[in-house]
Amino acid sequence: MKACNNKNGTNADPFEQKKGKKTERPMGIMCYICGREYFSKSISIHLEKCKEKWIYTESQKPKAERRPLPEEPKKFNEMIITGGQGN
């Protein structure tokens, strides 16, 4: 590494983290079924497919091992509309 830095005429440490500007990704909404994070425009599309997949997967299990579909959290639709920024 020193050879590369001296060769190019710089003393910068290639492993040093850049200070100052932090890049924050936008906050998404977590699917209450699978736990993955989606943005407000795609969560409703995902939920339809995720419910179908849950029902299919559970139907393949023996009756004693099947679980019901998780309940939608209170004010979940409100979170989707506000983009996860609800109070």
PDB file of N, CA and C in Angstrom:
ATOM      1  N   MET A   1       0.809  -1.181   0.000  1.00  0.00           N
ATOM      2  CA  MET A   1       0.000   0.000   0.000  1.00  0.00           C
ATOM      3  C   MET A   1       0.860   1.255   0.000  1.00  0.00           C
ATOM      4  N   LYS A   2       1.945   1.242   0.766  1.00  0.00           N
ATOM      5  CA  LYS A   2       2.793   2.427   0.790  1.00  0.00           C
ATOM      6  C   LYS A   2       3.369   2.686  -0.592  1.00  0.00           C
ATOM      7  N   ALA A   3       3.715   1.623  -1.276  1.00  0.00           N
ATOM      8  CA  ALA A   3       4.308   1.781  -2.606  1.00  0.00           C
ATOM      9  C   ALA A   3       3.315   2.433  -3.556  1.00  0.00           C
ATOM     10  N   CYS A   4       2.067   2.042  -3.478  1.00  0.00           N
ATOM     11  CA  CYS A   4       1.052   2.614  -4.352  1.00  0.00           C
ATOM     12  C   CYS A   4       0.848   4.092  -4.049  1.00  0.00           C
ATOM     13  N   ASN A   5       0.800   4.452  -2.761  1.00  0.00           N
ATOM     14  CA  ASN A   5       0.591   5.837  -2.384  1.00  0.00           C
ATOM     15  C   ASN A   5       1.763   6.713  -2.805  1.00  0.00           C
ATOM     16  N   ASN A   6       2.979   6.234  -2.579  1.00  0.00           N
ATOM     17  CA  ASN A   6       4.151   7.015  -2.966  1.00  0.00           C
ATOM     18  C   ASN A   6       4.264   7.123  -4.479  1.00  0.00           C
ATOM     19  N   LYS A   7       3.892   6.074  -5.157  1.00  0.00           N
ATOM     20  CA  LYS A   7       3.967   6.053  -6.612  1.00  0.00           C
ATOM     21  C   LYS A   7       3.050   7.116  -7.222  1.00  0.00           C
ATOM     22  N   ASN A   8       1.862   7.277  -6.638  1.00  0.00           N
ATOM     23  CA  ASN A   8       0.904   8.247  -7.147  1.00  0.00           C
ATOM     24  C   ASN A   8       1.050   9.623  -6.508  1.00  0.00           C
ATOM     25  N   GLY A   9       2.000   9.778  -5.591  1.00  0.00           N
ATOM     26  CA  GLY A   9       2.251  11.081  -4.988  1.00  0.00           C
ATOM     27  C   GLY A   9       1.246  11.485  -3.934  1.00  0.00           C
ATOM     28  N   THR A  10       0.680  10.541  -3.226  1.00  0.00           N
ATOM     29  CA  THR A  10      -0.272  10.883  -2.173  1.00  0.00           C
ATOM     30  C   THR A  10       0.095  10.155  -0.890  1.00  0.00           C
ATOM     31  N   ASN A  11      -0.214  10.762   0.233  1.00  0.00           N
ATOM     32  CA  ASN A  11       0.039  10.143   1.527  1.00  0.00           C
ATOM     33  C   ASN A  11      -1.261   9.708   2.191  1.00  0.00           C
ATOM     34  N   ALA A  12      -2.336   9.690   1.441  1.00  0.00           N
ATOM     35  CA  ALA A  12      -3.650   9.354   1.996  1.00  0.00           C
ATOM     36  C   ALA A  12      -3.701   7.894   2.415  1.00  0.00           C
ATOM     37  N   ASP A  13      -4.332   7.653   3.549  1.00  0.00           N
ATOM     38  CA  ASP A  13      -4.522   6.296   4.034  1.00  0.00           C
ATOM     39  C   ASP A  13      -5.749   5.718   3.337  1.00  0.00           C
ATOM     40  N   PRO A  14      -5.594   4.638   2.572  1.00  0.00           N
ATOM     41  CA  PRO A  14      -6.737   4.097   1.828  1.00  0.00           C
ATOM     42  C   PRO A  14      -7.822   3.497   2.725  1.00  0.00           C
ATOM     43  N   PHE A  15      -7.487   3.196   3.986  1.00  0.00           N
ATOM     44  CA  PHE A  15      -8.468   2.610   4.893  1.00  0.00           C
ATOM     45  C   PHE A  15      -9.126   3.629   5.809  1.00  0.00           C
ATOM     46  N   GLU A  16      -8.713   4.867   5.717  1.00  0.00           N
ATOM     47  CA  GLU A  16      -9.289   5.920   6.548  1.00  0.00           C
ATOM     48  C   GLU A  16     -10.708   6.227   6.083  1.00  0.00           C
ATOM     49  N   GLN A  17     -11.628   6.294   7.036  1.00  0.00           N
ATOM     50  CA  GLN A  17     -13.002   6.609   6.691  1.00  0.00           C
ATOM     51  C   GLN A  17     -13.140   8.113   6.498  1.00  0.00           C
ATOM     52  N   LYS A  18     -13.910   8.464   5.525  1.00  0.00           N
ATOM     53  CA  LYS A  18     -14.161   9.872   5.257  1.00  0.00           C
ATOM     54  C   LYS A  18     -15.010  10.445   6.382  1.00  0.00           C
ATOM     55  N   LYS A  19     -14.596  11.558   6.934  1.00  0.00           N
ATOM     56  CA  LYS A  19     -15.330  12.193   8.014  1.00  0.00           C
ATOM     57  C   LYS A  19     -16.238  13.271   7.441  1.00  0.00           C
ATOM     58  N   GLY A  20     -17.242  13.604   8.214  1.00  0.00           N
ATOM     59  CA  GLY A  20     -18.135  14.676   7.786  1.00  0.00           C
ATOM     60  C   GLY A  20     -19.437  14.136   7.266  1.00  0.00           C
ATOM     61  N   LYS A  21     -19.589  14.140   5.973  1.00  0.00           N
ATOM     62  CA  LYS A  21     -20.856  13.792   5.349  1.00  0.00           C
ATOM     63  C   LYS A  21     -21.166  12.306   5.517  1.00  0.00           C
ATOM     64  N   LYS A  22     -22.261  12.028   6.252  1.00  0.00           N
ATOM     65  CA  LYS A  22     -22.715  10.648   6.403  1.00  0.00           C
ATOM     66  C   LYS A  22     -23.841  10.407   5.420  1.00  0.00           C
ATOM     67  N   THR A  23     -23.784   9.269   4.790  1.00  0.00           N
ATOM     68  CA  THR A  23     -24.864   8.935   3.864  1.00  0.00           C
ATOM     69  C   THR A  23     -25.874   8.066   4.601  1.00  0.00           C
ATOM     70  N   GLU A  24     -27.061   8.583   4.752  1.00  0.00           N
ATOM     71  CA  GLU A  24     -28.138   7.834   5.388  1.00  0.00           C
ATOM     72  C   GLU A  24     -29.126   7.434   4.323  1.00  0.00           C
ATOM     73  N   ARG A  25     -29.516   6.178   4.365  1.00  0.00           N
ATOM     74  CA  ARG A  25     -30.502   5.733   3.400  1.00  0.00           C
ATOM     75  C   ARG A  25     -31.892   6.066   3.928  1.00  0.00           C
ATOM     76  N   PRO A  26     -32.834   6.261   3.048  1.00  0.00           N
ATOM     77  CA  PRO A  26     -34.193   6.588   3.487  1.00  0.00           C
ATOM     78  C   PRO A  26     -34.786   5.449   4.315  1.00  0.00           C
ATOM     79  N   MET A  27     -35.610   5.820   5.256  1.00  0.00           N
ATOM     80  CA  MET A  27     -36.213   4.830   6.139  1.00  0.00           C
ATOM     81  C   MET A  27     -37.337   4.106   5.422  1.00  0.00           C
ATOM     82  N   GLY A  28     -37.342   2.801   5.506  1.00  0.00           N
ATOM     83  CA  GLY A  28     -38.373   2.000   4.870  1.00  0.00           C
ATOM     84  C   GLY A  28     -39.383   1.499   5.883  1.00  0.00           C
ATOM     85  N   ILE A  29     -40.300   0.674   5.415  1.00  0.00           N
ATOM     86  CA  ILE A  29     -41.332   0.090   6.250  1.00  0.00           C
ATOM     87  C   ILE A  29     -41.096  -1.410   6.282  1.00  0.00           C
ATOM     88  N   MET A  30     -41.082  -1.979   7.481  1.00  0.00           N
ATOM     89  CA  MET A  30     -40.814  -3.399   7.618  1.00  0.00           C
ATOM     90  C   MET A  30     -42.099  -4.204   7.410  1.00  0.00           C
ATOM     91  N   CYS A  31     -41.992  -5.234   6.608  1.00  0.00           N
ATOM     92  CA  CYS A  31     -43.112  -6.142   6.374  1.00  0.00           C
ATOM     93  C   CYS A  31     -43.363  -6.924   7.661  1.00  0.00           C
ATOM     94  N   TYR A  32     -44.603  -6.907   8.132  1.00  0.00           N
ATOM     95  CA  TYR A  32     -44.928  -7.592   9.381  1.00  0.00           C
ATOM     96  C   TYR A  32     -45.001  -9.107   9.210  1.00  0.00           C
ATOM     97  N   ILE A  33     -44.912  -9.589   7.980  1.00  0.00           N
ATOM     98  CA  ILE A  33     -44.962 -11.031   7.730  1.00  0.00           C
ATOM     99  C   ILE A  33     -43.554 -11.621   7.657  1.00  0.00           C
ATOM    100  N   CYS A  34     -42.697 -11.049   6.808  1.00  0.00           N
ATOM    101  CA  CYS A  34     -41.368 -11.637   6.593  1.00  0.00           C
ATOM    102  C   CYS A  34     -40.230 -10.859   7.255  1.00  0.00           C
ATOM    103  N   GLY A  35     -40.471  -9.600   7.627  1.00  0.00           N
ATOM    104  CA  GLY A  35     -39.449  -8.816   8.311  1.00  0.00           C
ATOM    105  C   GLY A  35     -38.521  -8.037   7.399  1.00  0.00           C
ATOM    106  N   ARG A  36     -38.729  -8.094   6.109  1.00  0.00           N
ATOM    107  CA  ARG A  36     -37.895  -7.336   5.180  1.00  0.00           C
ATOM    108  C   ARG A  36     -38.365  -5.894   5.111  1.00  0.00           C
ATOM    109  N   GLU A  37     -37.465  -5.018   4.692  1.00  0.00           N
ATOM    110  CA  GLU A  37     -37.777  -3.594   4.641  1.00  0.00           C
ATOM    111  C   GLU A  37     -38.068  -3.155   3.209  1.00  0.00           C
ATOM    112  N   TYR A  38     -39.161  -2.421   3.048  1.00  0.00           N
ATOM    113  CA  TYR A  38     -39.576  -1.926   1.738  1.00  0.00           C
ATOM    114  C   TYR A  38     -39.955  -0.460   1.857  1.00  0.00           C
ATOM    115  N   PHE A  39     -39.969   0.222   0.730  1.00  0.00           N
ATOM    116  CA  PHE A  39     -40.380   1.619   0.721  1.00  0.00           C
ATOM    117  C   PHE A  39     -41.876   1.718   0.507  1.00  0.00           C
ATOM    118  N   SER A  40     -42.434   2.868   0.792  1.00  0.00           N
ATOM    119  CA  SER A  40     -43.890   3.038   0.819  1.00  0.00           C
ATOM    120  C   SER A  40     -44.564   2.684  -0.502  1.00  0.00           C
ATOM    121  N   LYS A  41     -43.893   2.877  -1.606  1.00  0.00           N
ATOM    122  CA  LYS A  41     -44.520   2.579  -2.902  1.00  0.00           C
ATOM    123  C   LYS A  41     -44.530   1.089  -3.217  1.00  0.00           C
ATOM    124  N   SER A  42     -43.600   0.333  -2.669  1.00  0.00           N
ATOM    125  CA  SER A  42     -43.531  -1.089  -3.013  1.00  0.00           C
ATOM    126  C   SER A  42     -44.057  -2.009  -1.911  1.00  0.00           C
ATOM    127  N   ILE A  43     -44.302  -1.491  -0.713  1.00  0.00           N
ATOM    128  CA  ILE A  43     -44.739  -2.364   0.382  1.00  0.00           C
ATOM    129  C   ILE A  43     -46.104  -2.979   0.106  1.00  0.00           C
ATOM    130  N   SER A  44     -47.028  -2.228  -0.476  1.00  0.00           N
ATOM    131  CA  SER A  44     -48.362  -2.774  -0.720  1.00  0.00           C
ATOM    132  C   SER A  44     -48.313  -3.897  -1.760  1.00  0.00           C
ATOM    133  N   ILE A  45     -47.482  -3.759  -2.762  1.00  0.00           N
ATOM    134  CA  ILE A  45     -47.299  -4.811  -3.767  1.00  0.00           C
ATOM    135  C   ILE A  45     -46.675  -6.038  -3.101  1.00  0.00           C
ATOM    136  N   HIS A  46     -45.669  -5.792  -2.279  1.00  0.00           N
ATOM    137  CA  HIS A  46     -44.987  -6.887  -1.596  1.00  0.00           C
ATOM    138  C   HIS A  46     -45.937  -7.639  -0.664  1.00  0.00           C
ATOM    139  N   LEU A  47     -46.760  -6.920   0.081  1.00  0.00           N
ATOM    140  CA  LEU A  47     -47.654  -7.563   1.050  1.00  0.00           C
ATOM    141  C   LEU A  47     -48.583  -8.581   0.394  1.00  0.00           C
ATOM    142  N   GLU A  48     -49.095  -8.251  -0.768  1.00  0.00           N
ATOM    143  CA  GLU A  48     -49.972  -9.194  -1.476  1.00  0.00           C
ATOM    144  C   GLU A  48     -49.239 -10.501  -1.768  1.00  0.00           C
ATOM    145  N   LYS A  49     -48.039 -10.382  -2.309  1.00  0.00           N
ATOM    146  CA  LYS A  49     -47.248 -11.568  -2.654  1.00  0.00           C
ATOM    147  C   LYS A  49     -46.781 -12.315  -1.409  1.00  0.00           C
ATOM    148  N   CYS A  50     -46.451 -11.568  -0.369  1.00  0.00           N
ATOM    149  CA  CYS A  50     -45.954 -12.175   0.858  1.00  0.00           C
ATOM    150  C   CYS A  50     -47.065 -12.971   1.549  1.00  0.00           C
ATOM    151  N   LYS A  51     -48.282 -12.445   1.541  1.00  0.00           N
ATOM    152  CA  LYS A  51     -49.425 -13.165   2.121  1.00  0.00           C
ATOM    153  C   LYS A  51     -49.666 -14.459   1.359  1.00  0.00           C
ATOM    154  N   GLU A  52     -49.635 -14.386   0.028  1.00  0.00           N
ATOM    155  CA  GLU A  52     -49.825 -15.583  -0.795  1.00  0.00           C
ATOM    156  C   GLU A  52     -48.754 -16.629  -0.486  1.00  0.00           C
ATOM    157  N   LYS A  53     -47.512 -16.179  -0.383  1.00  0.00           N
ATOM    158  CA  LYS A  53     -46.407 -17.098  -0.108  1.00  0.00           C
ATOM    159  C   LYS A  53     -46.559 -17.721   1.279  1.00  0.00           C
ATOM    160  N   TRP A  54     -46.949 -16.921   2.278  1.00  0.00           N
ATOM    161  CA  TRP A  54     -47.147 -17.428   3.638  1.00  0.00           C
ATOM    162  C   TRP A  54     -48.211 -18.531   3.645  1.00  0.00           C
ATOM    163  N   ILE A  55     -49.345 -18.242   3.025  1.00  0.00           N
ATOM    164  CA  ILE A  55     -50.451 -19.193   2.999  1.00  0.00           C
ATOM    165  C   ILE A  55     -50.034 -20.483   2.293  1.00  0.00           C
ATOM    166  N   TYR A  56     -49.344 -20.360   1.172  1.00  0.00           N
ATOM    167  CA  TYR A  56     -48.895 -21.540   0.440  1.00  0.00           C
ATOM    168  C   TYR A  56     -47.895 -22.354   1.276  1.00  0.00           C
ATOM    169  N   THR A  57     -46.918 -21.672   1.874  1.00  0.00           N
ATOM    170  CA  THR A  57     -45.894 -22.355   2.662  1.00  0.00           C
ATOM    171  C   THR A  57     -46.515 -23.080   3.849  1.00  0.00           C
ATOM    172  N   GLU A  58     -47.432 -22.417   4.535  1.00  0.00           N
ATOM    173  CA  GLU A  58     -48.071 -23.045   5.693  1.00  0.00           C
ATOM    174  C   GLU A  58     -48.967 -24.203   5.283  1.00  0.00           C
ATOM    175  N   SER A  59     -49.571 -24.131   4.113  1.00  0.00           N
ATOM    176  CA  SER A  59     -50.440 -25.221   3.663  1.00  0.00           C
ATOM    177  C   SER A  59     -49.645 -26.486   3.339  1.00  0.00           C
ATOM    178  N   GLN A  60     -48.356 -26.347   3.107  1.00  0.00           N
ATOM    179  CA  GLN A  60     -47.501 -27.491   2.810  1.00  0.00           C
ATOM    180  C   GLN A  60     -47.061 -28.231   4.074  1.00  0.00           C
ATOM    181  N   LYS A  61     -47.226 -27.604   5.239  1.00  0.00           N
ATOM    182  CA  LYS A  61     -46.811 -28.194   6.503  1.00  0.00           C
ATOM    183  C   LYS A  61     -47.920 -29.108   7.042  1.00  0.00           C
ATOM    184  N   PRO A  62     -47.540 -30.036   7.935  1.00  0.00           N
ATOM    185  CA  PRO A  62     -48.575 -30.831   8.613  1.00  0.00           C
ATOM    186  C   PRO A  62     -49.483 -29.903   9.431  1.00  0.00           C
ATOM    187  N   LYS A  63     -50.734 -30.281   9.593  1.00  0.00           N
ATOM    188  CA  LYS A  63     -51.707 -29.424  10.273  1.00  0.00           C
ATOM    189  C   LYS A  63     -51.251 -28.991  11.658  1.00  0.00           C
ATOM    190  N   ALA A  64     -50.572 -29.836  12.379  1.00  0.00           N
ATOM    191  CA  ALA A  64     -50.126 -29.516  13.737  1.00  0.00           C
ATOM    192  C   ALA A  64     -49.056 -28.421  13.764  1.00  0.00           C
ATOM    193  N   GLU A  65     -48.330 -28.236  12.657  1.00  0.00           N
ATOM    194  CA  GLU A  65     -47.237 -27.256  12.609  1.00  0.00           C
ATOM    195  C   GLU A  65     -47.628 -25.941  11.939  1.00  0.00           C
ATOM    196  N   ARG A  66     -48.817 -25.850  11.396  1.00  0.00           N
ATOM    197  CA  ARG A  66     -49.244 -24.640  10.685  1.00  0.00           C
ATOM    198  C   ARG A  66     -49.467 -23.479  11.647  1.00  0.00           C
ATOM    199  N   ARG A  67     -49.085 -22.292  11.180  1.00  0.00           N
ATOM    200  CA  ARG A  67     -49.289 -21.078  11.960  1.00  0.00           C
ATOM    201  C   ARG A  67     -50.223 -20.149  11.208  1.00  0.00           C
ATOM    202  N   PRO A  68     -51.003 -19.363  11.925  1.00  0.00           N
ATOM    203  CA  PRO A  68     -51.888 -18.412  11.244  1.00  0.00           C
ATOM    204  C   PRO A  68     -51.075 -17.237  10.693  1.00  0.00           C
ATOM    205  N   LEU A  69     -51.643 -16.562   9.731  1.00  0.00           N
ATOM    206  CA  LEU A  69     -51.018 -15.369   9.165  1.00  0.00           C
ATOM    207  C   LEU A  69     -50.877 -14.319  10.262  1.00  0.00           C
ATOM    208  N   PRO A  70     -49.705 -13.702  10.426  1.00  0.00           N
ATOM    209  CA  PRO A  70     -49.552 -12.671  11.458  1.00  0.00           C
ATOM    210  C   PRO A  70     -50.558 -11.535  11.251  1.00  0.00           C
ATOM    211  N   GLU A  71     -51.009 -10.985  12.358  1.00  0.00           N
ATOM    212  CA  GLU A  71     -51.969  -9.892  12.288  1.00  0.00           C
ATOM    213  C   GLU A  71     -51.265  -8.602  11.886  1.00  0.00           C
ATOM    214  N   GLU A  72     -51.994  -7.802  11.134  1.00  0.00           N
ATOM    215  CA  GLU A  72     -51.469  -6.506  10.716  1.00  0.00           C
ATOM    216  C   GLU A  72     -51.388  -5.592  11.937  1.00  0.00           C
ATOM    217  N   PRO A  73     -50.244  -4.925  12.159  1.00  0.00           N
ATOM    218  CA  PRO A  73     -50.123  -4.020  13.307  1.00  0.00           C
ATOM    219  C   PRO A  73     -51.121  -2.868  13.216  1.00  0.00           C
ATOM    220  N   LYS A  74     -51.477  -2.341  14.376  1.00  0.00           N
ATOM    221  CA  LYS A  74     -52.375  -1.197  14.400  1.00  0.00           C
ATOM    222  C   LYS A  74     -51.705  -0.028  13.687  1.00  0.00           C
ATOM    223  N   LYS A  75     -52.475   0.725  12.969  1.00  0.00           N
ATOM    224  CA  LYS A  75     -52.020   1.916  12.229  1.00  0.00           C
ATOM    225  C   LYS A  75     -50.989   1.584  11.151  1.00  0.00           C
ATOM    226  N   PHE A  76     -50.968   0.336  10.666  1.00  0.00           N
ATOM    227  CA  PHE A  76     -49.998  -0.046   9.635  1.00  0.00           C
ATOM    228  C   PHE A  76     -50.274   0.694   8.329  1.00  0.00           C
ATOM    229  N   ASN A  77     -51.549   0.802   7.952  1.00  0.00           N
ATOM    230  CA  ASN A  77     -51.898   1.529   6.726  1.00  0.00           C
ATOM    231  C   ASN A  77     -51.495   2.991   6.826  1.00  0.00           C
ATOM    232  N   GLU A  78     -51.589   3.546   8.007  1.00  0.00           N
ATOM    233  CA  GLU A  78     -51.169   4.935   8.221  1.00  0.00           C
ATOM    234  C   GLU A  78     -49.665   5.080   8.005  1.00  0.00           C
ATOM    235  N   MET A  79     -48.906   4.081   8.447  1.00  0.00           N
ATOM    236  CA  MET A  79     -47.445   4.104   8.248  1.00  0.00           C
ATOM    237  C   MET A  79     -47.108   4.044   6.769  1.00  0.00           C
ATOM    238  N   ILE A  80     -47.875   3.256   6.005  1.00  0.00           N
ATOM    239  CA  ILE A  80     -47.618   3.147   4.579  1.00  0.00           C
ATOM    240  C   ILE A  80     -47.852   4.496   3.893  1.00  0.00           C
ATOM    241  N   ILE A  81     -48.918   5.168   4.264  1.00  0.00           N
ATOM    242  CA  ILE A  81     -49.251   6.458   3.665  1.00  0.00           C
ATOM    243  C   ILE A  81     -48.196   7.509   3.991  1.00  0.00           C
ATOM    244  N   THR A  82     -47.713   7.535   5.235  1.00  0.00           N
ATOM    245  CA  THR A  82     -46.725   8.532   5.638  1.00  0.00           C
ATOM    246  C   THR A  82     -45.311   8.107   5.303  1.00  0.00           C
ATOM    247  N   GLY A  83     -45.120   6.908   4.770  1.00  0.00           N
ATOM    248  CA  GLY A  83     -43.782   6.453   4.390  1.00  0.00           C
ATOM    249  C   GLY A  83     -42.927   6.020   5.555  1.00  0.00           C
ATOM    250  N   GLY A  84     -43.562   5.551   6.634  1.00  0.00           N
ATOM    251  CA  GLY A  84     -42.792   5.062   7.787  1.00  0.00           C
ATOM    252  C   GLY A  84     -42.377   6.156   8.726  1.00  0.00           C
ATOM    253  N   GLN A  85     -42.820   7.383   8.502  1.00  0.00           N
ATOM    254  CA  GLN A  85     -42.403   8.510   9.312  1.00  0.00           C
ATOM    255  C   GLN A  85     -43.418   8.832  10.408  1.00  0.00           C
ATOM    256  N   GLY A  86     -44.362   7.917  10.653  1.00  0.00           N
ATOM    257  CA  GLY A  86     -45.415   8.167  11.645  1.00  0.00           C
ATOM    258  C   GLY A  86     -44.861   8.320  13.036  1.00  0.00           C
ATOM    259  N   ASN A  87     -45.642   8.950  13.930  1.00  0.00           N
ATOM    260  CA  ASN A  87     -45.198   9.205  15.307  1.00  0.00           C
ATOM    261  C   ASN A  87     -45.238   7.975  16.140  1.00  0.00           C
TER     262      ASN A  87
END
